[in-house]
Amino acid sequence: MKELMTLYFPLGSDKMTTVRLATGGLSALAGLDLDESEDCKVCVTESLLLLMHRGYASARVTFSMDEGLLVHIAGEGEGDGTPAEEDEISFALLTALNGTVQTVQSNGKLAEIMFRFGEKA
């Protein structure tokens, strides 16, 4: 597995455009087609919103190439774990756009989201 980039940043809607642009560039580097790239950007955005709604102050997004583009998103700091009403829509989008979505719970709350686009997705 080849790590392409890891981003650490405070969670906030003002950072979403930057993360989406980085995701698009790395999707192209990994050889994803336009539709897969757009789906990946939506999945990254929705994952970050899920963590932001749960009170995490910052996030770590790691992009790796391993038979496609693997994206690992983790909340940093202490989240309160309280889901928002919009979270059901975010989870529905994630699973509709990508069948490989995995989540990790820590102390009973959502802490990490992972998915893959490309060859083995």
PDB file of N, CA and C in Angstrom:
ATOM      1  N   MET A   1       0.852  -1.174   0.000  1.00  0.00           N
ATOM      2  CA  MET A   1       0.000   0.000   0.000  1.00  0.00           C
ATOM      3  C   MET A   1       0.897   1.237   0.000  1.00  0.00           C
ATOM      4  N   LYS A   2       0.576   2.175  -0.860  1.00  0.00           N
ATOM      5  CA  LYS A   2       1.361   3.397  -0.989  1.00  0.00           C
ATOM      6  C   LYS A   2       0.531   4.582  -0.484  1.00  0.00           C
ATOM      7  N   GLU A   3       0.977   5.200   0.606  1.00  0.00           N
ATOM      8  CA  GLU A   3       0.280   6.370   1.124  1.00  0.00           C
ATOM      9  C   GLU A   3       0.578   7.558   0.227  1.00  0.00           C
ATOM     10  N   LEU A   4      -0.489   8.209  -0.224  1.00  0.00           N
ATOM     11  CA  LEU A   4      -0.344   9.364  -1.109  1.00  0.00           C
ATOM     12  C   LEU A   4      -0.277  10.673  -0.337  1.00  0.00           C
ATOM     13  N   MET A   5      -1.196  10.809   0.643  1.00  0.00           N
ATOM     14  CA  MET A   5      -1.283  12.069   1.368  1.00  0.00           C
ATOM     15  C   MET A   5      -2.126  11.882   2.620  1.00  0.00           C
ATOM     16  N   THR A   6      -1.756  12.593   3.670  1.00  0.00           N
ATOM     17  CA  THR A   6      -2.580  12.662   4.868  1.00  0.00           C
ATOM     18  C   THR A   6      -2.815  14.129   5.178  1.00  0.00           C
ATOM     19  N   LEU A   7      -4.078  14.466   5.388  1.00  0.00           N
ATOM     20  CA  LEU A   7      -4.465  15.829   5.732  1.00  0.00           C
ATOM     21  C   LEU A   7      -4.967  15.856   7.168  1.00  0.00           C
ATOM     22  N   TYR A   8      -4.487  16.795   7.970  1.00  0.00           N
ATOM     23  CA  TYR A   8      -4.993  17.049   9.317  1.00  0.00           C
ATOM     24  C   TYR A   8      -5.529  18.473   9.305  1.00  0.00           C
ATOM     25  N   PHE A   9      -6.748  18.667   9.766  1.00  0.00           N
ATOM     26  CA  PHE A   9      -7.308  20.007   9.728  1.00  0.00           C
ATOM     27  C   PHE A   9      -8.466  20.124  10.714  1.00  0.00           C
ATOM     28  N   PRO A  10      -8.734  21.355  11.180  1.00  0.00           N
ATOM     29  CA  PRO A  10      -9.907  21.564  12.033  1.00  0.00           C
ATOM     30  C   PRO A  10     -11.168  21.373  11.204  1.00  0.00           C
ATOM     31  N   LEU A  11     -12.138  20.696  11.784  1.00  0.00           N
ATOM     32  CA  LEU A  11     -13.392  20.470  11.058  1.00  0.00           C
ATOM     33  C   LEU A  11     -14.205  21.749  10.995  1.00  0.00           C
ATOM     34  N   GLY A  12     -14.645  22.067   9.812  1.00  0.00           N
ATOM     35  CA  GLY A  12     -15.481  23.235   9.601  1.00  0.00           C
ATOM     36  C   GLY A  12     -15.874  23.287   8.143  1.00  0.00           C
ATOM     37  N   SER A  13     -17.018  23.857   7.882  1.00  0.00           N
ATOM     38  CA  SER A  13     -17.508  23.898   6.506  1.00  0.00           C
ATOM     39  C   SER A  13     -16.580  24.696   5.589  1.00  0.00           C
ATOM     40  N   ASP A  14     -15.781  25.612   6.150  1.00  0.00           N
ATOM     41  CA  ASP A  14     -14.875  26.407   5.329  1.00  0.00           C
ATOM     42  C   ASP A  14     -13.700  25.588   4.781  1.00  0.00           C
ATOM     43  N   LYS A  15     -13.463  24.396   5.312  1.00  0.00           N
ATOM     44  CA  LYS A  15     -12.365  23.540   4.845  1.00  0.00           C
ATOM     45  C   LYS A  15     -12.819  22.518   3.806  1.00  0.00           C
ATOM     46  N   MET A  16     -14.117  22.335   3.633  1.00  0.00           N
ATOM     47  CA  MET A  16     -14.641  21.276   2.766  1.00  0.00           C
ATOM     48  C   MET A  16     -14.210  21.438   1.309  1.00  0.00           C
ATOM     49  N   THR A  17     -14.176  22.646   0.795  1.00  0.00           N
ATOM     50  CA  THR A  17     -13.778  22.864  -0.602  1.00  0.00           C
ATOM     51  C   THR A  17     -12.333  22.441  -0.821  1.00  0.00           C
ATOM     52  N   THR A  18     -11.464  22.774   0.111  1.00  0.00           N
ATOM     53  CA  THR A  18     -10.059  22.393   0.001  1.00  0.00           C
ATOM     54  C   THR A  18      -9.899  20.880  -0.008  1.00  0.00           C
ATOM     55  N   VAL A  19     -10.616  20.207   0.878  1.00  0.00           N
ATOM     56  CA  VAL A  19     -10.527  18.743   0.957  1.00  0.00           C
ATOM     57  C   VAL A  19     -11.109  18.116  -0.308  1.00  0.00           C
ATOM     58  N   ARG A  20     -12.199  18.671  -0.825  1.00  0.00           N
ATOM     59  CA  ARG A  20     -12.785  18.150  -2.072  1.00  0.00           C
ATOM     60  C   ARG A  20     -11.819  18.309  -3.245  1.00  0.00           C
ATOM     61  N   LEU A  21     -11.124  19.440  -3.321  1.00  0.00           N
ATOM     62  CA  LEU A  21     -10.146  19.644  -4.390  1.00  0.00           C
ATOM     63  C   LEU A  21      -8.994  18.645  -4.282  1.00  0.00           C
ATOM     64  N   ALA A  22      -8.499  18.433  -3.074  1.00  0.00           N
ATOM     65  CA  ALA A  22      -7.428  17.450  -2.876  1.00  0.00           C
ATOM     66  C   ALA A  22      -7.914  16.050  -3.246  1.00  0.00           C
ATOM     67  N   THR A  23      -9.139  15.714  -2.876  1.00  0.00           N
ATOM     68  CA  THR A  23      -9.704  14.405  -3.204  1.00  0.00           C
ATOM     69  C   THR A  23      -9.796  14.223  -4.716  1.00  0.00           C
ATOM     70  N   GLY A  24     -10.227  15.255  -5.421  1.00  0.00           N
ATOM     71  CA  GLY A  24     -10.317  15.175  -6.875  1.00  0.00           C
ATOM     72  C   GLY A  24      -8.966  14.946  -7.519  1.00  0.00           C
ATOM     73  N   GLY A  25      -7.951  15.654  -7.052  1.00  0.00           N
ATOM     74  CA  GLY A  25      -6.609  15.487  -7.602  1.00  0.00           C
ATOM     75  C   GLY A  25      -6.045  14.101  -7.330  1.00  0.00           C
ATOM     76  N   LEU A  26      -6.243  13.604  -6.134  1.00  0.00           N
ATOM     77  CA  LEU A  26      -5.740  12.273  -5.788  1.00  0.00           C
ATOM     78  C   LEU A  26      -6.535  11.175  -6.488  1.00  0.00           C
ATOM     79  N   SER A  27      -7.812  11.419  -6.735  1.00  0.00           N
ATOM     80  CA  SER A  27      -8.620  10.458  -7.498  1.00  0.00           C
ATOM     81  C   SER A  27      -8.074  10.332  -8.917  1.00  0.00           C
ATOM     82  N   ALA A  28      -7.702  11.443  -9.512  1.00  0.00           N
ATOM     83  CA  ALA A  28      -7.119  11.415 -10.852  1.00  0.00           C
ATOM     84  C   ALA A  28      -5.776  10.685 -10.838  1.00  0.00           C
ATOM     85  N   LEU A  29      -4.967  10.945  -9.828  1.00  0.00           N
ATOM     86  CA  LEU A  29      -3.678  10.284  -9.693  1.00  0.00           C
ATOM     87  C   LEU A  29      -3.842   8.766  -9.568  1.00  0.00           C
ATOM     88  N   ALA A  30      -4.915   8.342  -8.898  1.00  0.00           N
ATOM     89  CA  ALA A  30      -5.182   6.911  -8.707  1.00  0.00           C
ATOM     90  C   ALA A  30      -5.856   6.279  -9.923  1.00  0.00           C
ATOM     91  N   GLY A  31      -6.173   7.082 -10.936  1.00  0.00           N
ATOM     92  CA  GLY A  31      -6.753   6.541 -12.162  1.00  0.00           C
ATOM     93  C   GLY A  31      -8.256   6.358 -12.136  1.00  0.00           C
ATOM     94  N   LEU A  32      -8.946   7.014 -11.208  1.00  0.00           N
ATOM     95  CA  LEU A  32     -10.399   6.906 -11.167  1.00  0.00           C
ATOM     96  C   LEU A  32     -11.007   7.687 -12.325  1.00  0.00           C
ATOM     97  N   ASP A  33     -12.126   7.187 -12.849  1.00  0.00           N
ATOM     98  CA  ASP A  33     -12.808   7.942 -13.898  1.00  0.00           C
ATOM     99  C   ASP A  33     -13.598   9.084 -13.253  1.00  0.00           C
ATOM    100  N   LEU A  34     -14.188   9.924 -14.079  1.00  0.00           N
ATOM    101  CA  LEU A  34     -14.872  11.120 -13.584  1.00  0.00           C
ATOM    102  C   LEU A  34     -16.000  10.786 -12.615  1.00  0.00           C
ATOM    103  N   ASP A  35     -16.816   9.773 -12.927  1.00  0.00           N
ATOM    104  CA  ASP A  35     -17.920   9.411 -12.038  1.00  0.00           C
ATOM    105  C   ASP A  35     -17.418   8.911 -10.686  1.00  0.00           C
ATOM    106  N   GLU A  36     -16.398   8.062 -10.708  1.00  0.00           N
ATOM    107  CA  GLU A  36     -15.830   7.562  -9.452  1.00  0.00           C
ATOM    108  C   GLU A  36     -15.217   8.702  -8.638  1.00  0.00           C
ATOM    109  N   SER A  37     -14.562   9.619  -9.322  1.00  0.00           N
ATOM    110  CA  SER A  37     -13.958  10.765  -8.647  1.00  0.00           C
ATOM    111  C   SER A  37     -15.022  11.618  -7.960  1.00  0.00           C
ATOM    112  N   GLU A  38     -16.120  11.892  -8.671  1.00  0.00           N
ATOM    113  CA  GLU A  38     -17.214  12.681  -8.077  1.00  0.00           C
ATOM    114  C   GLU A  38     -17.831  11.947  -6.887  1.00  0.00           C
ATOM    115  N   ASP A  39     -18.040  10.642  -7.030  1.00  0.00           N
ATOM    116  CA  ASP A  39     -18.603   9.849  -5.928  1.00  0.00           C
ATOM    117  C   ASP A  39     -17.660   9.854  -4.722  1.00  0.00           C
ATOM    118  N   CYS A  40     -16.370   9.761  -4.981  1.00  0.00           N
ATOM    119  CA  CYS A  40     -15.394   9.778  -3.897  1.00  0.00           C
ATOM    120  C   CYS A  40     -15.431  11.116  -3.155  1.00  0.00           C
ATOM    121  N   LYS A  41     -15.515  12.211  -3.896  1.00  0.00           N
ATOM    122  CA  LYS A  41     -15.586  13.536  -3.265  1.00  0.00           C
ATOM    123  C   LYS A  41     -16.825  13.667  -2.390  1.00  0.00           C
ATOM    124  N   VAL A  42     -17.959  13.147  -2.864  1.00  0.00           N
ATOM    125  CA  VAL A  42     -19.187  13.199  -2.057  1.00  0.00           C
ATOM    126  C   VAL A  42     -19.015  12.360  -0.794  1.00  0.00           C
ATOM    127  N   CYS A  43     -18.422  11.173  -0.923  1.00  0.00           N
ATOM    128  CA  CYS A  43     -18.231  10.305   0.242  1.00  0.00           C
ATOM    129  C   CYS A  43     -17.307  10.952   1.278  1.00  0.00           C
ATOM    130  N   VAL A  44     -16.250  11.602   0.823  1.00  0.00           N
ATOM    131  CA  VAL A  44     -15.350  12.292   1.751  1.00  0.00           C
ATOM    132  C   VAL A  44     -16.105  13.410   2.469  1.00  0.00           C
ATOM    133  N   THR A  45     -16.840  14.209   1.720  1.00  0.00           N
ATOM    134  CA  THR A  45     -17.586  15.316   2.317  1.00  0.00           C
ATOM    135  C   THR A  45     -18.610  14.818   3.334  1.00  0.00           C
ATOM    136  N   GLU A  46     -19.380  13.810   2.972  1.00  0.00           N
ATOM    137  CA  GLU A  46     -20.411  13.283   3.880  1.00  0.00           C
ATOM    138  C   GLU A  46     -19.782  12.666   5.126  1.00  0.00           C
ATOM    139  N   SER A  47     -18.645  12.005   4.963  1.00  0.00           N
ATOM    140  CA  SER A  47     -17.949  11.425   6.115  1.00  0.00           C
ATOM    141  C   SER A  47     -17.493  12.513   7.081  1.00  0.00           C
ATOM    142  N   LEU A  48     -16.945  13.586   6.532  1.00  0.00           N
ATOM    143  CA  LEU A  48     -16.509  14.697   7.376  1.00  0.00           C
ATOM    144  C   LEU A  48     -17.690  15.356   8.086  1.00  0.00           C
ATOM    145  N   LEU A  49     -18.814  15.472   7.392  1.00  0.00           N
ATOM    146  CA  LEU A  49     -20.007  16.028   8.027  1.00  0.00           C
ATOM    147  C   LEU A  49     -20.476  15.148   9.180  1.00  0.00           C
ATOM    148  N   LEU A  50     -20.431  13.826   8.996  1.00  0.00           N
ATOM    149  CA  LEU A  50     -20.817  12.912  10.074  1.00  0.00           C
ATOM    150  C   LEU A  50     -19.950  13.122  11.314  1.00  0.00           C
ATOM    151  N   LEU A  51     -18.647  13.269  11.102  1.00  0.00           N
ATOM    152  CA  LEU A  51     -17.749  13.484  12.239  1.00  0.00           C
ATOM    153  C   LEU A  51     -17.942  14.865  12.852  1.00  0.00           C
ATOM    154  N   MET A  52     -18.157  15.862  12.017  1.00  0.00           N
ATOM    155  CA  MET A  52     -18.379  17.218  12.510  1.00  0.00           C
ATOM    156  C   MET A  52     -19.660  17.281  13.345  1.00  0.00           C
ATOM    157  N   HIS A  53     -20.707  16.625  12.891  1.00  0.00           N
ATOM    158  CA  HIS A  53     -21.969  16.613  13.640  1.00  0.00           C
ATOM    159  C   HIS A  53     -21.823  15.937  14.995  1.00  0.00           C
ATOM    160  N   ARG A  54     -20.856  15.046  15.116  1.00  0.00           N
ATOM    161  CA  ARG A  54     -20.634  14.336  16.373  1.00  0.00           C
ATOM    162  C   ARG A  54     -19.656  15.068  17.291  1.00  0.00           C
ATOM    163  N   GLY A  55     -19.325  16.289  16.937  1.00  0.00           N
ATOM    164  CA  GLY A  55     -18.559  17.140  17.836  1.00  0.00           C
ATOM    165  C   GLY A  55     -17.048  17.022  17.768  1.00  0.00           C
ATOM    166  N   TYR A  56     -16.519  16.312  16.777  1.00  0.00           N
ATOM    167  CA  TYR A  56     -15.060  16.251  16.671  1.00  0.00           C
ATOM    168  C   TYR A  56     -14.527  17.615  16.253  1.00  0.00           C
ATOM    169  N   ALA A  57     -13.419  18.007  16.843  1.00  0.00           N
ATOM    170  CA  ALA A  57     -12.839  19.311  16.555  1.00  0.00           C
ATOM    171  C   ALA A  57     -12.025  19.310  15.274  1.00  0.00           C
ATOM    172  N   SER A  58     -11.430  18.170  14.950  1.00  0.00           N
ATOM    173  CA  SER A  58     -10.596  18.097  13.758  1.00  0.00           C
ATOM    174  C   SER A  58     -10.677  16.691  13.164  1.00  0.00           C
ATOM    175  N   ALA A  59     -10.065  16.542  11.996  1.00  0.00           N
ATOM    176  CA  ALA A  59     -10.110  15.252  11.297  1.00  0.00           C
ATOM    177  C   ALA A  59      -8.763  14.957  10.660  1.00  0.00           C
ATOM    178  N   ARG A  60      -8.547  13.675  10.429  1.00  0.00           N
ATOM    179  CA  ARG A  60      -7.389  13.189   9.691  1.00  0.00           C
ATOM    180  C   ARG A  60      -7.930  12.399   8.508  1.00  0.00           C
ATOM    181  N   VAL A  61      -7.529  12.765   7.301  1.00  0.00           N
ATOM    182  CA  VAL A  61      -7.950  12.062   6.093  1.00  0.00           C
ATOM    183  C   VAL A  61      -6.697  11.519   5.420  1.00  0.00           C
ATOM    184  N   THR A  62      -6.629  10.196   5.284  1.00  0.00           N
ATOM    185  CA  THR A  62      -5.474   9.551   4.666  1.00  0.00           C
ATOM    186  C   THR A  62      -5.909   8.904   3.356  1.00  0.00           C
ATOM    187  N   PHE A  63      -5.182   9.218   2.301  1.00  0.00           N
ATOM    188  CA  PHE A  63      -5.422   8.647   0.980  1.00  0.00           C
ATOM    189  C   PHE A  63      -4.263   7.702   0.666  1.00  0.00           C
ATOM    190  N   SER A  64      -4.590   6.466   0.296  1.00  0.00           N
ATOM    191  CA  SER A  64      -3.572   5.479  -0.057  1.00  0.00           C
ATOM    192  C   SER A  64      -3.970   4.793  -1.354  1.00  0.00           C
ATOM    193  N   MET A  65      -2.961   4.345  -2.094  1.00  0.00           N
ATOM    194  CA  MET A  65      -3.228   3.557  -3.303  1.00  0.00           C
ATOM    195  C   MET A  65      -2.897   2.110  -3.009  1.00  0.00           C
ATOM    196  N   ASP A  66      -3.880   1.248  -3.200  1.00  0.00           N
ATOM    197  CA  ASP A  66      -3.719  -0.182  -3.029  1.00  0.00           C
ATOM    198  C   ASP A  66      -4.854  -0.833  -3.797  1.00  0.00           C
ATOM    199  N   GLU A  67      -4.614  -1.126  -5.085  1.00  0.00           N
ATOM    200  CA  GLU A  67      -5.662  -1.655  -5.952  1.00  0.00           C
ATOM    201  C   GLU A  67      -6.877  -0.724  -5.955  1.00  0.00           C
ATOM    202  N   GLY A  68      -6.623   0.536  -6.161  1.00  0.00           N
ATOM    203  CA  GLY A  68      -7.645   1.571  -6.133  1.00  0.00           C
ATOM    204  C   GLY A  68      -7.236   2.652  -5.147  1.00  0.00           C
ATOM    205  N   LEU A  69      -8.150   3.524  -4.819  1.00  0.00           N
ATOM    206  CA  LEU A  69      -7.899   4.600  -3.870  1.00  0.00           C
ATOM    207  C   LEU A  69      -8.608   4.265  -2.565  1.00  0.00           C
ATOM    208  N   LEU A  70      -7.839   4.099  -1.503  1.00  0.00           N
ATOM    209  CA  LEU A  70      -8.376   3.827  -0.170  1.00  0.00           C
ATOM    210  C   LEU A  70      -8.399   5.138   0.598  1.00  0.00           C
ATOM    211  N   VAL A  71      -9.549   5.463   1.180  1.00  0.00           N
ATOM    212  CA  VAL A  71      -9.701   6.698   1.956  1.00  0.00           C
ATOM    213  C   VAL A  71     -10.064   6.317   3.383  1.00  0.00           C
ATOM    214  N   HIS A  72      -9.294   6.834   4.336  1.00  0.00           N
ATOM    215  CA  HIS A  72      -9.508   6.567   5.759  1.00  0.00           C
ATOM    216  C   HIS A  72      -9.682   7.917   6.447  1.00  0.00           C
ATOM    217  N   ILE A  73     -10.846   8.117   7.046  1.00  0.00           N
ATOM    218  CA  ILE A  73     -11.181   9.395   7.674  1.00  0.00           C
ATOM    219  C   ILE A  73     -11.436   9.145   9.156  1.00  0.00           C
ATOM    220  N   ALA A  74     -10.746   9.890  10.013  1.00  0.00           N
ATOM    221  CA  ALA A  74     -10.885   9.696  11.455  1.00  0.00           C
ATOM    222  C   ALA A  74     -11.116  11.031  12.150  1.00  0.00           C
ATOM    223  N   GLY A  75     -12.013  11.017  13.134  1.00  0.00           N
ATOM    224  CA  GLY A  75     -12.221  12.182  13.973  1.00  0.00           C
ATOM    225  C   GLY A  75     -11.076  12.305  14.954  1.00  0.00           C
ATOM    226  N   GLU A  76     -10.630  13.516  15.205  1.00  0.00           N
ATOM    227  CA  GLU A  76      -9.547  13.765  16.144  1.00  0.00           C
ATOM    228  C   GLU A  76     -10.105  14.566  17.319  1.00  0.00           C
ATOM    229  N   GLY A  77      -9.634  14.236  18.508  1.00  0.00           N
ATOM    230  CA  GLY A  77     -10.131  14.903  19.705  1.00  0.00           C
ATOM    231  C   GLY A  77     -11.323  14.144  20.268  1.00  0.00           C
ATOM    232  N   GLU A  78     -12.010  14.759  21.159  1.00  0.00           N
ATOM    233  CA  GLU A  78     -13.164  14.136  21.805  1.00  0.00           C
ATOM    234  C   GLU A  78     -14.465  14.597  21.160  1.00  0.00           C
ATOM    235  N   GLY A  79     -15.142  13.699  20.508  1.00  0.00           N
ATOM    236  CA  GLY A  79     -16.469  13.997  19.990  1.00  0.00           C
ATOM    237  C   GLY A  79     -17.503  13.628  21.031  1.00  0.00           C
ATOM    238  N   ASP A  80     -18.682  14.191  20.923  1.00  0.00           N
ATOM    239  CA  ASP A  80     -19.723  13.860  21.898  1.00  0.00           C
ATOM    240  C   ASP A  80     -20.577  12.672  21.448  1.00  0.00           C
ATOM    241  N   GLY A  81     -20.426  12.268  20.195  1.00  0.00           N
ATOM    242  CA  GLY A  81     -21.126  11.086  19.710  1.00  0.00           C
ATOM    243  C   GLY A  81     -22.591  11.278  19.385  1.00  0.00           C
ATOM    244  N   THR A  82     -23.113  12.469  19.565  1.00  0.00           N
ATOM    245  CA  THR A  82     -24.530  12.712  19.326  1.00  0.00           C
ATOM    246  C   THR A  82     -24.788  12.900  17.837  1.00  0.00           C
ATOM    247  N   PRO A  83     -25.558  11.982  17.222  1.00  0.00           N
ATOM    248  CA  PRO A  83     -25.849  12.140  15.799  1.00  0.00           C
ATOM    249  C   PRO A  83     -26.825  13.286  15.546  1.00  0.00           C
ATOM    250  N   ALA A  84     -26.736  13.847  14.350  1.00  0.00           N
ATOM    251  CA  ALA A  84     -27.651  14.901  13.926  1.00  0.00           C
ATOM    252  C   ALA A  84     -28.758  14.282  13.071  1.00  0.00           C
ATOM    253  N   GLU A  85     -29.832  15.007  12.876  1.00  0.00           N
ATOM    254  CA  GLU A  85     -30.944  14.519  12.059  1.00  0.00           C
ATOM    255  C   GLU A  85     -30.509  14.225  10.627  1.00  0.00           C
ATOM    256  N   GLU A  86     -29.575  15.009  10.097  1.00  0.00           N
ATOM    257  CA  GLU A  86     -29.124  14.850   8.712  1.00  0.00           C
ATOM    258  C   GLU A  86     -28.245  13.623   8.508  1.00  0.00           C
ATOM    259  N   ASP A  87     -27.797  12.997   9.587  1.00  0.00           N
ATOM    260  CA  ASP A  87     -26.850  11.889   9.470  1.00  0.00           C
ATOM    261  C   ASP A  87     -27.426  10.693   8.724  1.00  0.00           C
ATOM    262  N   GLU A  88     -28.697  10.475   8.815  1.00  0.00           N
ATOM    263  CA  GLU A  88     -29.317   9.364   8.093  1.00  0.00           C
ATOM    264  C   GLU A  88     -29.127   9.537   6.584  1.00  0.00           C
ATOM    265  N   ILE A  89     -29.257  10.772   6.117  1.00  0.00           N
ATOM    266  CA  ILE A  89     -29.051  11.057   4.689  1.00  0.00           C
ATOM    267  C   ILE A  89     -27.585  10.830   4.315  1.00  0.00           C
ATOM    268  N   SER A  90     -26.661  11.259   5.179  1.00  0.00           N
ATOM    269  CA  SER A  90     -25.237  11.065   4.904  1.00  0.00           C
ATOM    270  C   SER A  90     -24.891   9.583   4.806  1.00  0.00           C
ATOM    271  N   PHE A  91     -25.396   8.778   5.742  1.00  0.00           N
ATOM    272  CA  PHE A  91     -25.133   7.335   5.688  1.00  0.00           C
ATOM    273  C   PHE A  91     -25.751   6.707   4.448  1.00  0.00           C
ATOM    274  N   ALA A  92     -26.942   7.151   4.067  1.00  0.00           N
ATOM    275  CA  ALA A  92     -27.598   6.620   2.871  1.00  0.00           C
ATOM    276  C   ALA A  92     -26.777   6.944   1.619  1.00  0.00           C
ATOM    277  N   LEU A  93     -26.265   8.163   1.527  1.00  0.00           N
ATOM    278  CA  LEU A  93     -25.419   8.545   0.393  1.00  0.00           C
ATOM    279  C   LEU A  93     -24.142   7.718   0.354  1.00  0.00           C
ATOM    280  N   LEU A  94     -23.501   7.559   1.492  1.00  0.00           N
ATOM    281  CA  LEU A  94     -22.261   6.781   1.544  1.00  0.00           C
ATOM    282  C   LEU A  94     -22.469   5.365   1.032  1.00  0.00           C
ATOM    283  N   THR A  95     -23.491   4.701   1.523  1.00  0.00           N
ATOM    284  CA  THR A  95     -23.707   3.307   1.135  1.00  0.00           C
ATOM    285  C   THR A  95     -24.232   3.186  -0.295  1.00  0.00           C
ATOM    286  N   ALA A  96     -24.960   4.191  -0.779  1.00  0.00           N
ATOM    287  CA  ALA A  96     -25.442   4.151  -2.160  1.00  0.00           C
ATOM    288  C   ALA A  96     -24.306   4.363  -3.158  1.00  0.00           C
ATOM    289  N   LEU A  97     -23.351   5.214  -2.797  1.00  0.00           N
ATOM    290  CA  LEU A  97     -22.255   5.538  -3.709  1.00  0.00           C
ATOM    291  C   LEU A  97     -21.087   4.556  -3.626  1.00  0.00           C
ATOM    292  N   ASN A  98     -20.986   3.857  -2.499  1.00  0.00           N
ATOM    293  CA  ASN A  98     -19.850   2.964  -2.319  1.00  0.00           C
ATOM    294  C   ASN A  98     -20.224   1.797  -1.426  1.00  0.00           C
ATOM    295  N   GLY A  99     -20.083   0.596  -1.951  1.00  0.00           N
ATOM    296  CA  GLY A  99     -20.441  -0.604  -1.201  1.00  0.00           C
ATOM    297  C   GLY A  99     -19.383  -1.083  -0.237  1.00  0.00           C
ATOM    298  N   THR A 100     -18.230  -0.400  -0.167  1.00  0.00           N
ATOM    299  CA  THR A 100     -17.147  -0.851   0.708  1.00  0.00           C
ATOM    300  C   THR A 100     -17.026  -0.032   1.984  1.00  0.00           C
ATOM    301  N   VAL A 101     -18.007   0.787   2.300  1.00  0.00           N
ATOM    302  CA  VAL A 101     -17.913   1.674   3.457  1.00  0.00           C
ATOM    303  C   VAL A 101     -17.839   0.851   4.746  1.00  0.00           C
ATOM    304  N   GLN A 102     -16.835   1.170   5.551  1.00  0.00           N
ATOM    305  CA  GLN A 102     -16.686   0.558   6.869  1.00  0.00           C
ATOM    306  C   GLN A 102     -16.606   1.671   7.900  1.00  0.00           C
ATOM    307  N   THR A 103     -17.192   1.422   9.054  1.00  0.00           N
ATOM    308  CA  THR A 103     -17.106   2.391  10.135  1.00  0.00           C
ATOM    309  C   THR A 103     -16.488   1.729  11.357  1.00  0.00           C
ATOM    310  N   VAL A 104     -15.833   2.540  12.171  1.00  0.00           N
ATOM    311  CA  VAL A 104     -15.220   2.069  13.408  1.00  0.00           C
ATOM    312  C   VAL A 104     -15.806   2.885  14.547  1.00  0.00           C
ATOM    313  N   GLN A 105     -16.250   2.195  15.570  1.00  0.00           N
ATOM    314  CA  GLN A 105     -16.785   2.835  16.769  1.00  0.00           C
ATOM    315  C   GLN A 105     -15.699   2.870  17.843  1.00  0.00           C
ATOM    316  N   SER A 106     -15.656   3.916  18.610  1.00  0.00           N
ATOM    317  CA  SER A 106     -14.766   4.010  19.759  1.00  0.00           C
ATOM    318  C   SER A 106     -15.598   4.517  20.929  1.00  0.00           C
ATOM    319  N   ASN A 107     -15.621   3.760  21.990  1.00  0.00           N
ATOM    320  CA  ASN A 107     -16.444   4.105  23.159  1.00  0.00           C
ATOM    321  C   ASN A 107     -17.899   4.333  22.774  1.00  0.00           C
ATOM    322  N   GLY A 108     -18.393   3.507  21.854  1.00  0.00           N
ATOM    323  CA  GLY A 108     -19.795   3.570  21.463  1.00  0.00           C
ATOM    324  C   GLY A 108     -20.166   4.695  20.518  1.00  0.00           C
ATOM    325  N   LYS A 109     -19.169   5.391  19.972  1.00  0.00           N
ATOM    326  CA  LYS A 109     -19.486   6.481  19.042  1.00  0.00           C
ATOM    327  C   LYS A 109     -18.660   6.346  17.775  1.00  0.00           C
ATOM    328  N   LEU A 110     -19.199   6.859  16.690  1.00  0.00           N
ATOM    329  CA  LEU A 110     -18.517   6.827  15.397  1.00  0.00           C
ATOM    330  C   LEU A 110     -17.181   7.555  15.507  1.00  0.00           C
ATOM    331  N   ALA A 111     -16.107   6.878  15.082  1.00  0.00           N
ATOM    332  CA  ALA A 111     -14.784   7.485  15.180  1.00  0.00           C
ATOM    333  C   ALA A 111     -14.046   7.506  13.841  1.00  0.00           C
ATOM    334  N   GLU A 112     -14.306   6.505  12.971  1.00  0.00           N
ATOM    335  CA  GLU A 112     -13.578   6.406  11.717  1.00  0.00           C
ATOM    336  C   GLU A 112     -14.495   5.876  10.619  1.00  0.00           C
ATOM    337  N   ILE A 113     -14.209   6.308   9.393  1.00  0.00           N
ATOM    338  CA  ILE A 113     -14.941   5.850   8.212  1.00  0.00           C
ATOM    339  C   ILE A 113     -13.902   5.541   7.138  1.00  0.00           C
ATOM    340  N   MET A 114     -14.051   4.379   6.484  1.00  0.00           N
ATOM    341  CA  MET A 114     -13.117   3.975   5.438  1.00  0.00           C
ATOM    342  C   MET A 114     -13.897   3.480   4.231  1.00  0.00           C
ATOM    343  N   PHE A 115     -13.349   3.738   3.058  1.00  0.00           N
ATOM    344  CA  PHE A 115     -13.944   3.224   1.824  1.00  0.00           C
ATOM    345  C   PHE A 115     -12.888   3.202   0.732  1.00  0.00           C
ATOM    346  N   ARG A 116     -13.196   2.480  -0.325  1.00  0.00           N
ATOM    347  CA  ARG A 116     -12.263   2.318  -1.435  1.00  0.00           C
ATOM    348  C   ARG A 116     -13.000   2.570  -2.747  1.00  0.00           C
ATOM    349  N   PHE A 117     -12.308   3.224  -3.661  1.00  0.00           N
ATOM    350  CA  PHE A 117     -12.800   3.399  -5.023  1.00  0.00           C
ATOM    351  C   PHE A 117     -11.746   2.857  -5.970  1.00  0.00           C
ATOM    352  N   GLY A 118     -12.174   2.290  -7.065  1.00  0.00           N
ATOM    353  CA  GLY A 118     -11.228   1.808  -8.049  1.00  0.00           C
ATOM    354  C   GLY A 118     -11.324   0.307  -8.242  1.00  0.00           C
ATOM    355  N   GLU A 119     -10.197  -0.322  -8.494  1.00  0.00           N
ATOM    356  CA  GLU A 119     -10.115  -1.702  -8.931  1.00  0.00           C
ATOM    357  C   GLU A 119     -10.879  -2.706  -8.079  1.00  0.00           C
ATOM    358  N   LYS A 120     -10.726  -2.674  -6.763  1.00  0.00           N
ATOM    359  CA  LYS A 120     -11.355  -3.675  -5.902  1.00  0.00           C
ATOM    360  C   LYS A 120     -12.562  -3.133  -5.157  1.00  0.00           C
ATOM    361  N   ALA A 121     -13.073  -2.010  -5.560  1.00  0.00           N
ATOM    362  CA  ALA A 121     -14.216  -1.422  -4.855  1.00  0.00           C
ATOM    363  C   ALA A 121     -15.474  -2.217  -5.072  1.00  0.00           C
TER     364      ALA A 121
END
